[in-house]
Amino acid sequence: MPDRITVAAIQPQLVVGDVDRNLRRVADLVRQAHREHAPDVVLLPEGMTSPSAHGAVVRTVARPVAGEPFALLRRLARELDCTIGGGFVAKRGADARGTYVIAEPDGGAHLHDKDQPSMWENAYTTAGTDDGLFTTGLGPIGTAMGFEWNRSRTARRLRGRVRAVLGGSCWWSYPDWLPVRSWFGRDHQYNVAVAREMAPRMARAVGAPVAIAQHVGEVRSGTPLMPGVPYRTLYVGETQIVERDGTVLARLAYEDGEGYVAAEIGLADPRPLDPVPSGFWMAPMPFSLQAVWHMYNAHGRARYAIDKARGAFPWQELPDADLPGYVPPPTEAEAATGDRARERTTA
C-alpha cells in the first residue's frame, strides 16, 4: 500500500437530463486531468450522468447498475492505470439508487449507495444500506456522497477505519424568489459555508485525508409541491482535497467554474483529531432548509412510491439486475470481449 498518492478532483458543469453528453464531457475531463497531473486517483461528483434537480426529465436519467456509466469508469481506470471514482443514478434490482463507484486499475470496482436521498432526490431514488467501506489497492478507503458529507453518522461509520475518504457531491442552493430574496440570499451564504467547511471537518473527525468532487453552474429546476414555479439556483462548487488535519491542499470555488485540481496526500493509519457531533448534522444547517427538509423528504418518498406503482419510470422496463458491493476484475476473455464490442460500436 502506498504512503503517498496524488489525487485529482474534477468540478464539471453538466446539463440536467443529458446523460450521453454528460458522460462524454466527464470522460474528456478525466483524460485532461490525467495528462496534466498523472494522478493515482481521479474523482468525479455524484450525478456524473446528470446533476440533481426536480422535474420530469430526472425520471429518465437512471441507468442499469452495470450499464454504460459503470463500464465507462472501469474502462477509464484500466486505460489510465489509476483509480477512478464517480456516481450516477443506478437501477439496482427493482429500485433506483444514488450509487458511487470506485473503479481500480485492474478492473475491479466497489459500489456504495447513498444512505438517504435528500429532499427532492427522494422522488427519484431510494436509500441504500451498505457502509461505504472498501478494501482497495490503496488500503481501506471510505466513500461519501451528497449530504452524507455533512452527516454525523458518516463520520461515525468511517472514523478510525480508513486511510482516506473519497467521493463526490451535488450541492445545490436557494431559489432566487423575489419575495424572500434577502432572507434566502443570507442563507445561501451560510449554505456555501457549510459546503466549503465540510471536507476539512470530515477529515479531522475521521482522522484521514479526504477528497470531494462537486458540480458547478446555474440550473433551473422545478419546485416540489409548487407546480409551475421555477427553482432557479446554482451548484455551489467547493471541490477540495484536504489533509487529515483539515488543511485544504487544493480547492475550486463556484467562481472558478468548471475545471480540476490535484494534490498529494499522505496515506497512513487513521488518527481522529476532533469528536463527532452528537446531532444529525456535522454542522448545523440553515433554519430555512430545516423547515422544508422533512416536508420535501416525505413528499419525495410518496412521489417515488406513486410513480413506481404506476410504472412512470423508464428504468422499470429494464431487467431487475444488480451487482454486489465488490465486482472483481474481468477475466482476460471478458476484457477482450468488451474491447471488441467497443471497437464494433465505434466503427
Protein backbone atom coordinates (compact mmCIF):
# COMPACT_ATOMS: atom_id res chain seq x y z
CA MET A 1 0.00 0.00 0.00
CA PRO A 2 1.43 3.42 -0.96
CA ASP A 3 2.28 6.02 1.66
CA ARG A 4 1.54 9.00 -0.61
CA ILE A 5 -0.69 9.40 -3.64
CA THR A 6 -1.73 12.20 -6.00
CA VAL A 7 -5.47 12.81 -6.21
CA ALA A 8 -7.23 14.83 -8.91
CA ALA A 9 -10.79 16.06 -8.31
CA ILE A 10 -12.99 17.28 -11.16
CA GLN A 11 -15.63 20.02 -10.94
CA PRO A 12 -17.81 19.75 -14.08
CA GLN A 13 -20.61 21.94 -15.36
CA LEU A 14 -23.14 19.45 -16.69
CA VAL A 15 -26.66 19.56 -18.16
CA VAL A 16 -29.62 18.14 -16.22
CA GLY A 17 -31.00 15.10 -18.02
CA ASP A 18 -28.48 14.94 -20.91
CA VAL A 19 -26.83 11.67 -19.91
CA ASP A 20 -24.92 10.93 -23.12
CA ARG A 21 -23.48 14.45 -23.41
CA ASN A 22 -22.51 14.46 -19.74
CA LEU A 23 -20.69 11.12 -19.98
CA ARG A 24 -18.66 12.38 -22.94
CA ARG A 25 -17.77 15.54 -21.06
CA VAL A 26 -16.65 13.86 -17.85
CA ALA A 27 -14.57 11.35 -19.82
CA ASP A 28 -12.79 14.26 -21.55
CA LEU A 29 -12.16 15.98 -18.21
CA VAL A 30 -10.78 12.79 -16.64
CA ARG A 31 -8.32 12.34 -19.51
CA GLN A 32 -7.29 16.01 -19.37
CA ALA A 33 -6.67 15.85 -15.63
CA HIS A 34 -4.67 12.65 -16.05
CA ARG A 35 -2.49 14.10 -18.82
CA GLU A 36 -1.71 17.17 -16.74
CA HIS A 37 -1.20 15.64 -13.29
CA ALA A 38 -0.63 11.86 -13.75
CA PRO A 39 -2.69 11.18 -10.60
CA ASP A 40 -3.16 7.89 -8.81
CA VAL A 41 -6.85 8.72 -8.23
CA VAL A 42 -9.32 10.83 -10.24
CA LEU A 43 -12.69 11.72 -8.70
CA LEU A 44 -15.93 12.82 -10.35
CA PRO A 45 -19.02 14.04 -8.45
CA GLU A 46 -22.11 12.04 -7.71
CA GLY A 47 -24.61 12.57 -10.52
CA MET A 48 -21.97 12.44 -13.26
CA THR A 49 -24.76 11.40 -15.66
CA SER A 50 -26.99 14.29 -14.56
CA PRO A 51 -26.80 16.73 -11.64
CA SER A 52 -29.64 16.68 -9.14
CA ALA A 53 -32.80 18.69 -9.91
CA HIS A 54 -36.58 18.38 -9.77
CA GLY A 55 -38.54 17.71 -12.95
CA ALA A 56 -39.90 15.06 -15.30
CA VAL A 57 -36.59 14.72 -17.16
CA VAL A 58 -34.90 13.45 -13.99
CA ARG A 59 -37.05 10.31 -14.17
CA THR A 60 -35.15 9.36 -17.33
CA VAL A 61 -31.54 9.55 -16.06
CA ALA A 62 -31.28 6.19 -14.24
CA ARG A 63 -29.15 3.58 -15.99
CA PRO A 64 -28.59 -0.12 -15.26
CA VAL A 65 -26.06 -0.50 -12.47
CA ALA A 66 -23.81 -2.48 -14.85
CA GLY A 67 -24.59 -0.16 -17.80
CA GLU A 68 -22.55 2.49 -19.60
CA PRO A 69 -21.70 4.78 -16.62
CA PHE A 70 -20.28 1.83 -14.68
CA ALA A 71 -18.50 0.49 -17.77
CA LEU A 72 -17.01 3.93 -18.52
CA LEU A 73 -15.48 4.21 -15.05
CA ARG A 74 -13.91 0.76 -15.37
CA ARG A 75 -12.62 1.50 -18.87
CA LEU A 76 -11.02 4.76 -17.78
CA ALA A 77 -9.40 3.09 -14.77
CA ARG A 78 -7.83 0.40 -17.00
CA GLU A 79 -6.92 2.84 -19.78
CA LEU A 80 -5.24 5.37 -17.48
CA ASP A 81 -3.92 2.84 -14.95
CA CYS A 82 -5.36 4.74 -11.99
CA THR A 83 -8.33 4.61 -9.64
CA ILE A 84 -11.45 6.43 -10.91
CA GLY A 85 -14.47 7.42 -8.80
CA GLY A 86 -17.85 8.69 -9.95
CA GLY A 87 -21.55 8.46 -9.12
CA PHE A 88 -24.82 8.08 -11.02
CA VAL A 89 -28.46 7.09 -10.55
CA ALA A 90 -28.43 3.32 -10.99
CA LYS A 91 -31.18 0.74 -11.28
CA ARG A 92 -30.30 -1.83 -8.63
CA GLY A 93 -32.73 -4.72 -8.57
CA ALA A 94 -36.24 -3.28 -8.63
CA ASP A 95 -35.28 0.22 -7.42
CA ALA A 96 -33.15 3.22 -8.35
CA ARG A 97 -30.41 4.41 -6.01
CA GLY A 98 -27.71 7.03 -5.94
CA THR A 99 -24.59 4.89 -6.43
CA TYR A 100 -20.93 5.86 -6.20
CA VAL A 101 -18.33 3.62 -7.86
CA ILE A 102 -14.62 3.37 -7.13
CA ALA A 103 -13.02 1.57 -10.10
CA GLU A 104 -9.47 0.26 -9.70
CA PRO A 105 -6.80 -0.06 -12.41
CA ASP A 106 -7.16 -3.87 -12.54
CA GLY A 107 -10.85 -3.51 -13.46
CA GLY A 108 -12.22 -4.32 -10.02
CA ALA A 109 -14.92 -1.97 -8.73
CA HIS A 110 -16.53 -1.06 -5.39
CA LEU A 111 -20.09 0.30 -5.11
CA HIS A 112 -21.70 2.43 -2.41
CA ASP A 113 -25.35 3.55 -2.30
CA LYS A 114 -26.22 6.84 -0.61
CA ASP A 115 -27.68 6.12 2.82
CA GLN A 116 -30.57 8.56 2.42
CA PRO A 117 -31.73 10.69 -0.52
CA SER A 118 -32.05 14.40 0.23
CA MET A 119 -35.26 16.37 -0.32
CA TRP A 120 -36.38 16.09 -3.97
CA GLU A 121 -33.91 13.25 -4.59
CA ASN A 122 -36.43 11.04 -2.75
CA ALA A 123 -38.77 11.33 -5.75
CA TYR A 124 -36.25 9.53 -7.98
CA THR A 125 -34.16 7.24 -5.75
CA THR A 126 -34.43 5.21 -2.57
CA ALA A 127 -32.00 4.63 0.31
CA GLY A 128 -29.03 2.28 0.38
CA THR A 129 -27.83 0.10 3.25
CA ASP A 130 -24.08 -0.54 2.81
CA ASP A 131 -21.35 1.05 4.95
CA GLY A 132 -19.23 2.53 2.13
CA LEU A 133 -16.06 0.84 3.38
CA PHE A 134 -13.81 -0.66 0.69
CA THR A 135 -10.66 -2.77 0.76
CA THR A 136 -8.59 -1.48 -2.17
CA GLY A 137 -5.06 -1.44 -3.51
CA LEU A 138 -4.64 1.84 -1.61
CA GLY A 139 -5.75 0.18 1.62
CA PRO A 140 -9.09 0.68 3.42
CA ILE A 141 -10.99 3.55 1.79
CA GLY A 142 -14.27 5.19 2.76
CA THR A 143 -16.78 6.78 0.40
CA ALA A 144 -19.35 9.52 0.92
CA MET A 145 -21.73 11.27 -1.46
CA GLY A 146 -24.08 14.22 -1.29
CA PHE A 147 -25.37 15.24 2.12
CA GLU A 148 -23.54 12.24 3.65
CA TRP A 149 -20.55 14.62 3.81
CA ASN A 150 -22.34 16.66 6.47
CA ARG A 151 -23.92 13.80 8.44
CA SER A 152 -22.51 12.73 11.79
CA ARG A 153 -23.31 9.07 11.10
CA THR A 154 -20.98 9.19 8.09
CA ALA A 155 -18.10 10.19 10.35
CA ARG A 156 -19.06 7.51 12.85
CA ARG A 157 -19.04 4.68 10.30
CA LEU A 158 -15.66 5.76 8.86
CA ARG A 159 -13.88 7.13 11.93
CA GLY A 160 -10.60 5.39 12.65
CA ARG A 161 -11.20 2.78 9.94
CA VAL A 162 -9.94 4.26 6.65
CA ARG A 163 -6.78 5.75 5.12
CA ALA A 164 -8.79 8.24 3.04
CA VAL A 165 -12.36 9.28 2.24
CA LEU A 166 -13.00 9.71 -1.48
CA GLY A 167 -16.27 10.71 -3.10
CA GLY A 168 -18.44 13.41 -4.59
CA SER A 169 -21.49 15.58 -4.12
CA CYS A 170 -24.01 17.76 -5.92
CA TRP A 171 -24.60 20.66 -3.53
CA TRP A 172 -27.35 22.99 -4.71
CA SER A 173 -28.51 26.23 -3.10
CA TYR A 174 -31.50 28.50 -2.65
CA PRO A 175 -34.00 29.77 -5.24
CA ASP A 176 -33.98 33.41 -6.32
CA TRP A 177 -37.64 34.10 -5.45
CA LEU A 178 -38.13 37.85 -5.16
CA PRO A 179 -40.38 37.92 -2.03
CA VAL A 180 -37.72 36.12 0.06
CA ARG A 181 -34.58 37.05 -1.85
CA SER A 182 -32.92 38.93 1.02
CA TRP A 183 -33.61 36.10 3.50
CA PHE A 184 -32.60 33.31 1.12
CA GLY A 185 -29.60 35.32 -0.04
CA ARG A 186 -28.30 35.36 3.52
CA ASP A 187 -28.94 31.63 3.96
CA HIS A 188 -27.28 30.94 0.60
CA GLN A 189 -24.07 32.34 2.05
CA TYR A 190 -24.42 30.08 5.07
CA ASN A 191 -25.11 27.11 2.77
CA VAL A 192 -21.93 27.81 0.80
CA ALA A 193 -20.00 27.98 4.08
CA VAL A 194 -21.28 24.52 5.04
CA ALA A 195 -20.15 23.15 1.66
CA ARG A 196 -16.77 24.88 1.98
CA GLU A 197 -16.06 23.63 5.50
CA MET A 198 -17.47 20.10 5.48
CA ALA A 199 -14.46 18.39 3.87
CA PRO A 200 -11.94 19.71 6.44
CA ARG A 201 -14.42 18.93 9.22
CA MET A 202 -14.87 15.34 7.99
CA ALA A 203 -11.11 14.85 7.66
CA ARG A 204 -10.47 15.85 11.27
CA ALA A 205 -13.35 13.73 12.62
CA VAL A 206 -12.45 10.62 10.61
CA GLY A 207 -8.69 11.03 11.01
CA ALA A 208 -7.79 10.68 7.34
CA PRO A 209 -7.38 12.88 4.25
CA VAL A 210 -10.44 13.45 2.12
CA ALA A 211 -11.20 14.48 -1.45
CA ILE A 212 -14.59 15.58 -2.78
CA ALA A 213 -15.64 16.42 -6.35
CA GLN A 214 -18.56 18.84 -6.75
CA HIS A 215 -20.79 20.20 -9.52
CA VAL A 216 -20.80 23.87 -10.52
CA GLY A 217 -23.03 26.18 -12.54
CA GLU A 218 -26.50 27.65 -12.73
CA VAL A 219 -29.60 25.48 -13.04
CA ARG A 220 -33.33 25.99 -13.48
CA SER A 221 -35.29 23.31 -11.67
CA GLY A 222 -38.91 22.76 -10.74
CA THR A 223 -40.19 23.26 -7.19
CA PRO A 224 -41.74 20.34 -5.27
CA LEU A 225 -45.37 20.97 -4.24
CA MET A 226 -45.44 24.20 -6.31
CA PRO A 227 -46.23 23.23 -9.94
CA GLY A 228 -45.15 25.83 -12.47
CA VAL A 229 -42.91 27.71 -10.02
CA PRO A 230 -39.29 27.65 -11.24
CA TYR A 231 -36.47 26.96 -8.80
CA ARG A 232 -33.54 28.89 -10.27
CA THR A 233 -30.40 28.22 -8.28
CA LEU A 234 -26.79 27.10 -8.62
CA TYR A 235 -24.48 24.25 -7.76
CA VAL A 236 -22.01 25.82 -5.38
CA GLY A 237 -18.74 24.09 -6.32
CA GLU A 238 -16.26 23.64 -3.44
CA THR A 239 -14.32 20.74 -4.90
CA GLN A 240 -11.50 20.09 -2.41
CA ILE A 241 -8.55 17.88 -1.50
CA VAL A 242 -7.79 18.03 2.23
CA GLU A 243 -5.15 16.56 4.52
CA ARG A 244 -6.11 14.67 7.70
CA ASP A 245 -5.58 17.76 9.88
CA GLY A 246 -8.08 19.76 7.82
CA THR A 247 -5.51 21.66 5.75
CA VAL A 248 -7.00 22.42 2.32
CA LEU A 249 -4.41 21.43 -0.28
CA ALA A 250 -6.43 22.27 -3.39
CA ARG A 251 -9.84 23.87 -3.94
CA LEU A 252 -12.22 25.05 -6.65
CA ALA A 253 -14.89 27.55 -5.56
CA TYR A 254 -18.00 28.48 -7.54
CA GLU A 255 -16.17 31.43 -9.07
CA ASP A 256 -13.53 29.06 -10.53
CA GLY A 257 -16.14 27.35 -12.70
CA GLU A 258 -15.51 24.05 -14.43
CA GLY A 259 -12.08 22.51 -14.03
CA TYR A 260 -9.98 20.21 -11.89
CA VAL A 261 -7.35 20.37 -9.16
CA ALA A 262 -4.75 17.92 -7.91
CA ALA A 263 -2.68 17.47 -4.77
CA GLU A 264 -0.59 14.86 -2.98
CA ILE A 265 -1.96 13.35 0.22
CA GLY A 266 -0.42 11.01 2.76
CA LEU A 267 -1.96 7.61 3.50
CA ALA A 268 -1.42 6.19 6.96
CA ASP A 269 -3.28 4.65 9.87
CA PRO A 270 -6.19 6.95 10.77
CA ARG A 271 -5.83 9.37 13.66
CA PRO A 272 -9.05 11.27 14.51
CA LEU A 273 -8.48 14.77 15.85
CA ASP A 274 -12.00 16.05 16.57
CA PRO A 275 -15.03 14.44 18.22
CA VAL A 276 -18.06 13.54 16.12
CA PRO A 277 -21.06 15.78 16.92
CA SER A 278 -23.92 14.00 18.66
CA GLY A 279 -26.57 15.52 16.37
CA PHE A 280 -27.70 14.50 12.88
CA TRP A 281 -25.53 17.10 11.11
CA MET A 282 -21.79 17.66 11.42
CA ALA A 283 -22.53 21.40 11.14
CA PRO A 284 -25.99 22.94 11.71
CA MET A 285 -27.96 23.59 8.53
CA PRO A 286 -29.84 26.89 7.95
CA PHE A 287 -33.28 27.08 9.57
CA SER A 288 -34.93 27.59 6.18
CA LEU A 289 -33.53 24.27 4.96
CA GLN A 290 -34.54 22.51 8.15
CA ALA A 291 -38.06 23.89 7.69
CA VAL A 292 -38.56 22.11 4.36
CA TRP A 293 -36.23 19.12 4.92
CA HIS A 294 -38.81 16.74 6.42
CA MET A 295 -41.62 18.00 4.18
CA TYR A 296 -39.68 17.53 0.93
CA ASN A 297 -38.32 14.18 2.11
CA ALA A 298 -41.82 12.89 2.85
CA HIS A 299 -43.24 14.30 -0.38
CA GLY A 300 -40.43 12.77 -2.42
CA ARG A 301 -40.84 9.32 -0.86
CA ALA A 302 -44.60 9.41 -1.56
CA ARG A 303 -43.98 10.59 -5.13
CA TYR A 304 -41.47 7.79 -5.72
CA ALA A 305 -43.91 5.15 -4.44
CA ILE A 306 -46.76 6.51 -6.59
CA ASP A 307 -44.67 6.83 -9.75
CA LYS A 308 -43.21 3.36 -9.28
CA ALA A 309 -46.68 1.85 -8.73
CA ARG A 310 -47.97 3.37 -11.98
CA GLY A 311 -44.84 2.46 -13.95
CA ALA A 312 -43.82 6.06 -14.63
CA PHE A 313 -40.06 5.45 -14.56
CA PRO A 314 -38.47 4.39 -17.87
CA TRP A 315 -35.98 2.25 -15.94
CA GLN A 316 -38.82 -0.02 -14.81
CA GLU A 317 -38.78 -1.58 -18.28
CA LEU A 318 -35.20 -2.79 -17.70
CA PRO A 319 -34.40 -6.20 -16.15
CA ASP A 320 -34.14 -6.25 -12.35
CA ALA A 321 -30.39 -6.91 -12.38
CA ASP A 322 -27.90 -5.91 -9.69
CA LEU A 323 -24.22 -6.04 -8.76
CA PRO A 324 -22.54 -6.92 -5.45
CA GLY A 325 -20.67 -4.33 -3.42
CA TYR A 326 -17.41 -5.55 -4.95
CA VAL A 327 -17.07 -6.55 -8.59
CA PRO A 328 -13.82 -8.43 -9.26
CA PRO A 329 -11.57 -7.62 -12.24
CA PRO A 330 -12.73 -9.07 -15.56
CA THR A 331 -11.00 -12.17 -16.85
CA GLU A 332 -8.81 -11.79 -19.92
CA ALA A 333 -11.58 -13.29 -22.07
CA GLU A 334 -14.19 -10.89 -20.64
CA ALA A 335 -11.89 -7.89 -21.16
CA ALA A 336 -11.15 -8.92 -24.75
CA THR A 337 -14.86 -9.40 -25.47
CA GLY A 338 -15.61 -5.94 -24.10
CA ASP A 339 -12.82 -4.37 -26.15
CA ARG A 340 -14.11 -5.98 -29.36
CA ALA A 341 -17.66 -4.81 -28.62
CA ARG A 342 -16.44 -1.23 -28.16
CA GLU A 343 -14.48 -1.40 -31.40
CA ARG A 344 -17.60 -2.53 -33.28
CA THR A 345 -19.63 0.26 -31.68
CA THR A 346 -17.02 2.87 -32.64
CA ALA A 347 -16.81 1.56 -36.20
